[in-house]
Amino acid sequence: MVIELKKFGTTLISRQTGKEAFLACQSLLQDIKKTEMIELDFKDVLSFSPSWGDEFLTPLLKKFKENLILRKTNNPSVLATLEILETTLNKKFEIAK
């Protein structure tokens, strides 16, 4: 399953909207098989803050672990946030090749 983050907006910056986005995804995620991969696509996202990412990515990572993959991006905002989250969580995100 691919989740396009642009569906939640192109400026993903607040903790509250990150939490709302995660909750909105729950109906999609409830039928995911344990072996199914979840791929996050950052295409067209302009700004991605650590607070939004923490509310959205952290619970996904805890629930789906190695089945969560991030599509490669060159967006400096996304890359900086991912680096902060990896440091905070002491966990590396899997990046699609």
C-alpha atoms as a PDB file:
ATOM      1  CA  MET A   1       0.000   0.000   0.000  1.00  0.00           C
ATOM      2  CA  VAL A   2       1.246   3.480  -0.875  1.00  0.00           C
ATOM      3  CA  ILE A   3       0.266   6.458   1.252  1.00  0.00           C
ATOM      4  CA  GLU A   4       0.751   9.761  -0.545  1.00  0.00           C
ATOM      5  CA  LEU A   5       1.359  12.338   2.150  1.00  0.00           C
ATOM      6  CA  LYS A   6       0.291  15.171  -0.160  1.00  0.00           C
ATOM      7  CA  LYS A   7      -3.280  14.009   0.477  1.00  0.00           C
ATOM      8  CA  PHE A   8      -2.873  15.589   3.913  1.00  0.00           C
ATOM      9  CA  GLY A   9      -1.519  18.824   2.440  1.00  0.00           C
ATOM     10  CA  THR A  10       1.775  20.091   1.141  1.00  0.00           C
ATOM     11  CA  THR A  11       2.745  21.880   4.365  1.00  0.00           C
ATOM     12  CA  LEU A  12       2.802  19.254   7.109  1.00  0.00           C
ATOM     13  CA  ILE A  13       3.825  21.218  10.153  1.00  0.00           C
ATOM     14  CA  SER A  14       1.763  20.862  13.318  1.00  0.00           C
ATOM     15  CA  ARG A  15       1.514  18.120  15.888  1.00  0.00           C
ATOM     16  CA  GLN A  16      -2.288  18.349  15.842  1.00  0.00           C
ATOM     17  CA  THR A  17      -2.607  17.895  12.063  1.00  0.00           C
ATOM     18  CA  GLY A  18      -0.097  15.031  12.159  1.00  0.00           C
ATOM     19  CA  LYS A  19      -2.210  13.275  14.765  1.00  0.00           C
ATOM     20  CA  GLU A  20      -5.366  13.927  12.719  1.00  0.00           C
ATOM     21  CA  ALA A  21      -3.701  12.529   9.594  1.00  0.00           C
ATOM     22  CA  PHE A  22      -2.666   9.378  11.453  1.00  0.00           C
ATOM     23  CA  LEU A  23      -6.190   8.895  12.769  1.00  0.00           C
ATOM     24  CA  ALA A  24      -7.621   9.455   9.285  1.00  0.00           C
ATOM     25  CA  CYS A  25      -5.426   6.610   7.972  1.00  0.00           C
ATOM     26  CA  GLN A  26      -6.662   4.095  10.493  1.00  0.00           C
ATOM     27  CA  SER A  27      -9.537   2.907   8.321  1.00  0.00           C
ATOM     28  CA  LEU A  28      -7.056   2.151   5.504  1.00  0.00           C
ATOM     29  CA  LEU A  29      -4.587   0.424   7.796  1.00  0.00           C
ATOM     30  CA  GLN A  30      -6.954  -1.855   9.695  1.00  0.00           C
ATOM     31  CA  ASP A  31      -7.100  -4.429   6.875  1.00  0.00           C
ATOM     32  CA  ILE A  32      -3.347  -4.512   6.201  1.00  0.00           C
ATOM     33  CA  LYS A  33      -1.884  -8.009   6.261  1.00  0.00           C
ATOM     34  CA  LYS A  34       1.181  -8.558   8.434  1.00  0.00           C
ATOM     35  CA  THR A  35       3.314  -9.216   5.356  1.00  0.00           C
ATOM     36  CA  GLU A  36       2.075  -6.218   3.357  1.00  0.00           C
ATOM     37  CA  MET A  37       4.444  -3.284   2.904  1.00  0.00           C
ATOM     38  CA  ILE A  38       3.402   0.286   3.617  1.00  0.00           C
ATOM     39  CA  GLU A  39       5.215   2.817   1.496  1.00  0.00           C
ATOM     40  CA  LEU A  40       5.120   6.536   2.277  1.00  0.00           C
ATOM     41  CA  ASP A  41       5.476   8.939  -0.641  1.00  0.00           C
ATOM     42  CA  PHE A  42       6.676  12.499   0.069  1.00  0.00           C
ATOM     43  CA  LYS A  43       6.158  13.716  -3.517  1.00  0.00           C
ATOM     44  CA  ASP A  44       4.816  17.308  -3.638  1.00  0.00           C
ATOM     45  CA  VAL A  45       5.276  17.834   0.118  1.00  0.00           C
ATOM     46  CA  LEU A  46       6.869  21.262   0.551  1.00  0.00           C
ATOM     47  CA  SER A  47       7.396  21.389   4.295  1.00  0.00           C
ATOM     48  CA  PHE A  48       7.567  18.528   6.796  1.00  0.00           C
ATOM     49  CA  SER A  49       8.124  19.305  10.473  1.00  0.00           C
ATOM     50  CA  PRO A  50       9.419  17.001  13.209  1.00  0.00           C
ATOM     51  CA  SER A  51       6.220  17.471  15.219  1.00  0.00           C
ATOM     52  CA  TRP A  52       3.972  16.380  12.312  1.00  0.00           C
ATOM     53  CA  GLY A  53       6.333  13.528  11.496  1.00  0.00           C
ATOM     54  CA  ASP A  54       6.439  12.366  15.101  1.00  0.00           C
ATOM     55  CA  GLU A  55       2.650  12.176  15.322  1.00  0.00           C
ATOM     56  CA  PHE A  56       2.314  10.373  11.985  1.00  0.00           C
ATOM     57  CA  LEU A  57       5.476   8.335  11.409  1.00  0.00           C
ATOM     58  CA  THR A  58       6.283   7.220  14.949  1.00  0.00           C
ATOM     59  CA  PRO A  59       3.041   5.265  15.484  1.00  0.00           C
ATOM     60  CA  LEU A  60       3.327   3.777  11.979  1.00  0.00           C
ATOM     61  CA  LEU A  61       6.871   2.658  12.707  1.00  0.00           C
ATOM     62  CA  LYS A  62       5.848   1.147  16.045  1.00  0.00           C
ATOM     63  CA  LYS A  63       2.946  -0.727  14.479  1.00  0.00           C
ATOM     64  CA  PHE A  64       4.433  -1.879  11.168  1.00  0.00           C
ATOM     65  CA  LYS A  65       8.163  -1.937  11.980  1.00  0.00           C
ATOM     66  CA  GLU A  66      10.175  -3.269   9.012  1.00  0.00           C
ATOM     67  CA  ASN A  67       7.076  -3.233   6.777  1.00  0.00           C
ATOM     68  CA  LEU A  68       7.181   0.575   6.711  1.00  0.00           C
ATOM     69  CA  ILE A  69       9.227   1.946   3.818  1.00  0.00           C
ATOM     70  CA  LEU A  70       9.768   5.553   2.817  1.00  0.00           C
ATOM     71  CA  ARG A  71      10.096   6.500  -0.825  1.00  0.00           C
ATOM     72  CA  LYS A  72      13.335   8.262  -1.633  1.00  0.00           C
ATOM     73  CA  THR A  73      13.165  12.052  -1.631  1.00  0.00           C
ATOM     74  CA  ASN A  74      15.568  14.930  -2.093  1.00  0.00           C
ATOM     75  CA  ASN A  75      13.383  17.391  -0.185  1.00  0.00           C
ATOM     76  CA  PRO A  76      15.633  19.076   2.422  1.00  0.00           C
ATOM     77  CA  SER A  77      12.718  19.610   4.831  1.00  0.00           C
ATOM     78  CA  VAL A  78      11.777  15.928   4.735  1.00  0.00           C
ATOM     79  CA  LEU A  79      15.390  14.759   5.021  1.00  0.00           C
ATOM     80  CA  ALA A  80      16.096  17.022   8.008  1.00  0.00           C
ATOM     81  CA  THR A  81      12.946  15.863   9.796  1.00  0.00           C
ATOM     82  CA  LEU A  82      13.698  12.201   9.149  1.00  0.00           C
ATOM     83  CA  GLU A  83      17.184  12.673  10.561  1.00  0.00           C
ATOM     84  CA  ILE A  84      15.772  14.295  13.702  1.00  0.00           C
ATOM     85  CA  LEU A  85      13.209  11.524  14.152  1.00  0.00           C
ATOM     86  CA  GLU A  86      15.797   8.790  13.617  1.00  0.00           C
ATOM     87  CA  THR A  87      17.988  10.365  16.291  1.00  0.00           C
ATOM     88  CA  THR A  88      15.084  10.828  18.692  1.00  0.00           C
ATOM     89  CA  LEU A  89      13.692   7.321  18.164  1.00  0.00           C
ATOM     90  CA  ASN A  90      17.123   5.688  17.852  1.00  0.00           C
ATOM     91  CA  LYS A  91      15.743   3.865  14.804  1.00  0.00           C
ATOM     92  CA  LYS A  92      16.490   4.146  11.093  1.00  0.00           C
ATOM     93  CA  PHE A  93      13.693   4.410   8.558  1.00  0.00           C
ATOM     94  CA  GLU A  94      13.871   2.028   5.620  1.00  0.00           C
ATOM     95  CA  ILE A  95      14.246   3.966   2.363  1.00  0.00           C
ATOM     96  CA  ALA A  96      13.025   2.372  -0.885  1.00  0.00           C
ATOM     97  CA  LYS A  97      15.759   1.877  -3.443  1.00  0.00           C
END
